[in-house]
Protein backbone atom coordinates (compact mmCIF):
# COMPACT_ATOMS: atom_id res chain seq x y z
CA MET A 1 83.05 70.27 93.20
CA LYS A 2 82.44 74.02 94.06
CA LEU A 3 85.48 76.52 94.42
CA VAL A 4 84.72 79.12 97.07
CA LEU A 5 87.13 82.21 96.88
CA PHE A 6 87.11 85.18 99.23
CA ASP A 7 88.44 88.56 99.19
CA VAL A 8 90.36 89.45 102.23
CA ASP A 9 90.15 93.31 103.05
CA GLY A 10 86.73 94.55 103.56
CA THR A 11 85.20 90.89 103.36
CA LEU A 12 86.87 88.69 105.55
CA ILE A 13 88.74 91.27 107.92
CA ASP A 14 88.22 94.94 109.00
CA SER A 15 91.31 96.23 108.26
CA GLN A 16 90.07 99.79 107.32
CA HIS A 17 91.91 101.54 110.10
CA LEU A 18 95.16 99.91 109.10
CA ILE A 19 94.82 100.78 105.35
CA VAL A 20 93.95 104.20 105.89
CA ALA A 21 96.71 105.07 108.61
CA ALA A 22 99.47 103.27 106.14
CA MET A 23 98.16 105.40 103.41
CA GLU A 24 98.43 108.48 105.66
CA GLY A 25 101.76 107.30 106.47
CA ALA A 26 102.80 106.99 102.87
CA TYR A 27 101.88 110.81 102.26
CA GLN A 28 103.55 112.02 105.21
CA ALA A 29 106.78 110.25 104.30
CA HIS A 30 106.64 112.00 101.04
CA ASP A 31 105.32 115.52 102.54
CA ARG A 32 101.99 115.41 101.03
CA PRO A 33 98.48 115.73 101.96
CA PRO A 34 96.60 112.31 102.25
CA PRO A 35 93.33 112.08 100.16
CA PRO A 36 90.05 111.88 102.19
CA ARG A 37 89.26 108.64 104.05
CA ASN A 38 86.53 107.75 101.58
CA ALA A 39 88.77 108.13 98.42
CA ILE A 40 91.29 105.61 100.14
CA LEU A 41 88.75 103.33 100.86
CA SER A 42 87.18 103.61 97.43
CA VAL A 43 90.75 102.04 95.89
CA VAL A 44 90.94 99.06 98.40
CA GLY A 45 91.50 95.92 96.64
CA LEU A 46 93.67 97.38 93.78
CA SER A 47 97.25 96.56 93.57
CA LEU A 48 99.08 99.49 95.34
CA PRO A 49 100.70 101.09 92.33
CA GLN A 50 97.36 101.21 90.75
CA ALA A 51 95.62 102.53 93.83
CA PHE A 52 98.14 105.22 94.03
CA ALA A 53 97.86 106.18 90.43
CA ILE A 54 94.08 106.64 90.81
CA LEU A 55 94.42 108.70 93.79
CA ALA A 56 96.96 110.84 91.90
CA GLY A 57 94.53 111.59 89.22
CA ASP A 58 95.89 113.32 86.20
CA ASP A 59 99.45 113.55 87.65
CA PRO A 60 101.78 111.69 85.31
CA ALA A 61 104.82 112.38 87.49
CA PHE A 62 103.26 110.84 90.56
CA PRO A 63 105.78 108.59 92.21
CA ALA A 64 103.29 105.65 92.63
CA ALA A 65 106.09 103.19 93.13
CA SER A 66 107.58 105.00 95.79
CA PHE A 67 104.40 105.56 97.60
CA ALA A 68 103.69 102.02 97.48
CA ASP A 69 107.07 101.08 99.24
CA ALA A 70 106.34 103.57 101.83
CA TYR A 71 102.78 102.02 102.25
CA LYS A 72 104.13 98.89 102.87
CA GLN A 73 106.60 99.85 105.31
CA ALA A 74 103.84 101.88 107.19
CA PHE A 75 101.29 99.10 107.03
CA PHE A 76 103.59 96.18 108.47
CA ARG A 77 104.98 98.51 111.28
CA LEU A 78 101.34 99.40 112.37
CA SER A 79 100.19 95.82 111.89
CA ALA A 80 103.27 94.68 114.29
CA ASP A 81 101.31 96.03 117.00
CA PRO A 82 98.93 93.57 118.63
CA ALA A 83 96.43 96.50 119.22
CA GLN A 84 96.44 97.07 115.49
CA GLN A 85 95.32 93.85 114.28
CA ALA A 86 92.50 93.69 111.74
CA PRO A 87 89.75 91.44 113.21
CA LEU A 88 87.36 89.01 111.07
CA PHE A 89 84.03 90.58 110.28
CA PRO A 90 81.25 88.77 112.44
CA GLY A 91 80.38 85.39 111.22
CA ALA A 92 83.33 85.01 108.93
CA MET A 93 84.77 82.14 111.02
CA ALA A 94 81.48 80.27 111.34
CA VAL A 95 81.17 80.26 107.53
CA ILE A 96 84.63 79.31 106.86
CA ASP A 97 84.79 76.55 109.41
CA ALA A 98 81.46 75.14 108.03
CA LEU A 99 82.55 75.15 104.57
CA ALA A 100 86.09 73.76 105.25
CA GLN A 101 83.96 70.68 106.78
CA ARG A 102 82.13 70.14 103.53
CA GLU A 103 82.83 67.46 101.16
CA GLY A 104 83.14 68.74 97.62
CA VAL A 105 83.97 72.11 98.55
CA THR A 106 87.51 74.16 97.97
CA LEU A 107 88.16 77.38 99.89
CA GLY A 108 90.56 79.76 98.39
CA LEU A 109 91.50 83.36 98.61
CA ALA A 110 91.96 86.32 95.61
CA THR A 111 93.17 89.34 97.02
CA GLY A 112 94.96 92.58 96.27
CA LYS A 113 97.01 92.22 99.38
CA SER A 114 100.64 90.98 98.93
CA ARG A 115 101.63 87.26 100.07
CA ARG A 116 103.51 88.67 103.28
CA GLY A 117 100.48 90.37 104.39
CA VAL A 118 98.17 87.25 103.36
CA ASP A 119 100.51 85.00 105.35
CA ARG A 120 100.35 87.03 108.52
CA MET A 121 96.55 87.44 108.32
CA LEU A 122 96.39 83.62 107.87
CA GLU A 123 98.51 82.64 111.04
CA LEU A 124 96.92 85.53 112.95
CA HIS A 125 93.35 83.72 112.47
CA GLY A 126 94.46 80.11 112.54
CA PHE A 127 93.89 79.54 108.67
CA THR A 128 97.22 78.51 107.71
CA ASP A 129 95.80 75.02 106.39
CA ILE A 130 92.36 76.16 105.32
CA PHE A 131 92.64 77.75 101.82
CA ALA A 132 93.85 75.20 99.18
CA THR A 133 94.62 78.16 96.66
CA VAL A 134 95.95 81.61 97.55
CA GLN A 135 96.16 84.51 94.73
CA THR A 136 97.74 87.86 95.45
CA ALA A 137 98.71 90.85 93.99
CA ASP A 138 102.54 89.78 94.08
CA ASP A 139 101.85 87.27 91.26
CA HIS A 140 98.93 88.63 89.07
CA PRO A 141 97.80 92.10 87.36
CA SER A 142 95.69 94.05 89.65
CA LYS A 143 91.95 93.49 89.82
CA PRO A 144 89.74 93.64 87.76
CA ALA A 145 91.92 91.66 85.51
CA PRO A 146 90.55 88.02 85.87
CA ASP A 147 93.96 86.49 86.23
CA MET A 148 93.62 85.63 90.35
CA VAL A 149 90.36 83.86 89.74
CA LEU A 150 91.55 82.05 86.71
CA ALA A 151 94.70 80.93 88.43
CA ALA A 152 92.60 79.48 91.43
CA MET A 153 90.37 77.82 89.22
CA ALA A 154 93.20 75.95 87.54
CA GLU A 155 95.06 75.26 90.89
CA ALA A 156 91.70 73.88 92.39
CA GLY A 157 90.70 71.90 89.13
CA ALA A 158 87.41 73.82 89.10
CA GLY A 159 85.41 74.98 86.02
CA ALA A 160 83.81 78.69 85.72
CA ALA A 161 80.39 77.29 86.41
CA GLU A 162 81.55 75.83 90.04
CA THR A 163 83.16 78.85 91.29
CA VAL A 164 81.91 81.60 93.22
CA LEU A 165 83.81 84.72 94.72
CA LEU A 166 82.67 86.64 98.07
CA GLY A 167 83.88 90.45 97.59
CA ASP A 168 83.06 93.96 98.89
CA THR A 169 84.28 95.79 96.03
CA THR A 170 83.36 96.52 92.23
CA PHE A 171 86.80 95.22 91.21
CA ASP A 172 85.67 91.54 92.85
CA MET A 173 82.74 91.81 90.77
CA GLU A 174 84.32 92.63 87.55
CA MET A 175 87.13 90.56 88.15
CA THR A 176 84.83 87.32 88.58
CA ARG A 177 82.79 87.99 85.81
CA ALA A 178 85.64 88.51 83.48
CA ALA A 179 86.78 84.75 84.48
CA GLY A 180 83.24 83.52 83.95
CA ALA A 181 82.61 82.82 87.80
CA LEU A 182 79.61 83.98 89.89
CA PRO A 183 80.25 87.20 91.96
CA ILE A 184 78.45 87.45 95.57
CA GLY A 185 78.74 91.13 96.96
CA ALA A 186 79.64 91.52 100.68
CA GLY A 187 77.59 94.53 101.42
CA TRP A 188 79.54 95.14 104.71
CA GLY A 189 82.74 96.24 103.16
CA TYR A 190 84.15 99.46 101.42
CA HIS A 191 81.94 99.81 98.19
CA PRO A 192 78.28 100.67 98.63
CA PRO A 193 75.81 97.59 97.86
CA ALA A 194 74.14 99.46 94.99
CA ALA A 195 77.70 99.82 93.49
CA LEU A 196 78.40 96.01 93.71
CA ALA A 197 74.89 95.34 92.08
CA ALA A 198 75.59 97.47 89.23
CA ALA A 199 78.88 95.81 88.97
CA GLY A 200 77.13 92.40 88.12
CA ALA A 201 76.88 90.95 91.89
CA HIS A 202 74.80 87.99 91.34
CA VAL A 203 73.33 88.62 94.88
CA VAL A 204 74.72 91.20 97.56
CA LEU A 205 74.39 89.99 101.09
CA ASP A 206 73.79 92.16 104.39
CA ASP A 207 75.94 90.12 106.51
CA PHE A 208 78.16 86.64 106.67
CA ALA A 209 75.08 84.88 108.06
CA ALA A 210 73.66 85.15 104.73
CA PHE A 211 76.21 83.33 102.90
CA LEU A 212 75.51 79.72 103.73
CA PRO A 213 71.83 80.07 102.75
CA ALA A 214 72.91 82.15 99.56
CA PHE A 215 75.29 79.24 98.74
CA GLU A 216 72.70 76.48 99.31
CA ARG A 217 70.52 78.02 96.72
CA LEU A 218 73.41 78.60 94.06
CA CYS A 219 74.27 74.76 94.72
CA ASP A 220 70.68 73.84 94.14
CA THR A 221 70.70 75.67 90.76
CA LYS A 222 74.13 75.63 89.49
CA PRO A 223 75.77 72.34 87.93
CA GLY A 224 78.80 70.86 89.36
């Protein structure tokens, strides 16, 4: 049996316009100037309080929890607009469909999104019955702690040697390695491919079309 885990933002869906707009809305709600776009995208994947704490730098009085609440309000207001929906990256649907039909393959998610946000994404893209395990920031410490991957493996009944995760950030790579599983870098996401490789990605892919061949090679070389 193989367990294939996916990150969401920057890996399955291109949500950067929503994330940046919601971040800007959170700062505007607190009458503060927002950080640059590249700084915002650099913390995608972390839990909201941790992301805001990093963006705040050395300010111990920064109200990260209040900013996180403002972000959530802005994000769900924006995502309620059909024109603002985050699309799947090209090739994502074909890969997920192909894996879902394979005997001995279980699919799951490990994401810094809230469960509410994940549920909306699953419904939007018709994925409600696809992922056997869904781990979110609501129930676990922030990436790069390994808890989400460990919980997914326990729920799916998979060992670390049988588990791979596709993610687009160094946090994903570090989380997966800490759980003993195999990280695969999504080079189309929010962290540079070189950073993913430096963080321990087994391989960094250029696009979704490269995933199935890479997965086949891993299945030929890994036990389970």
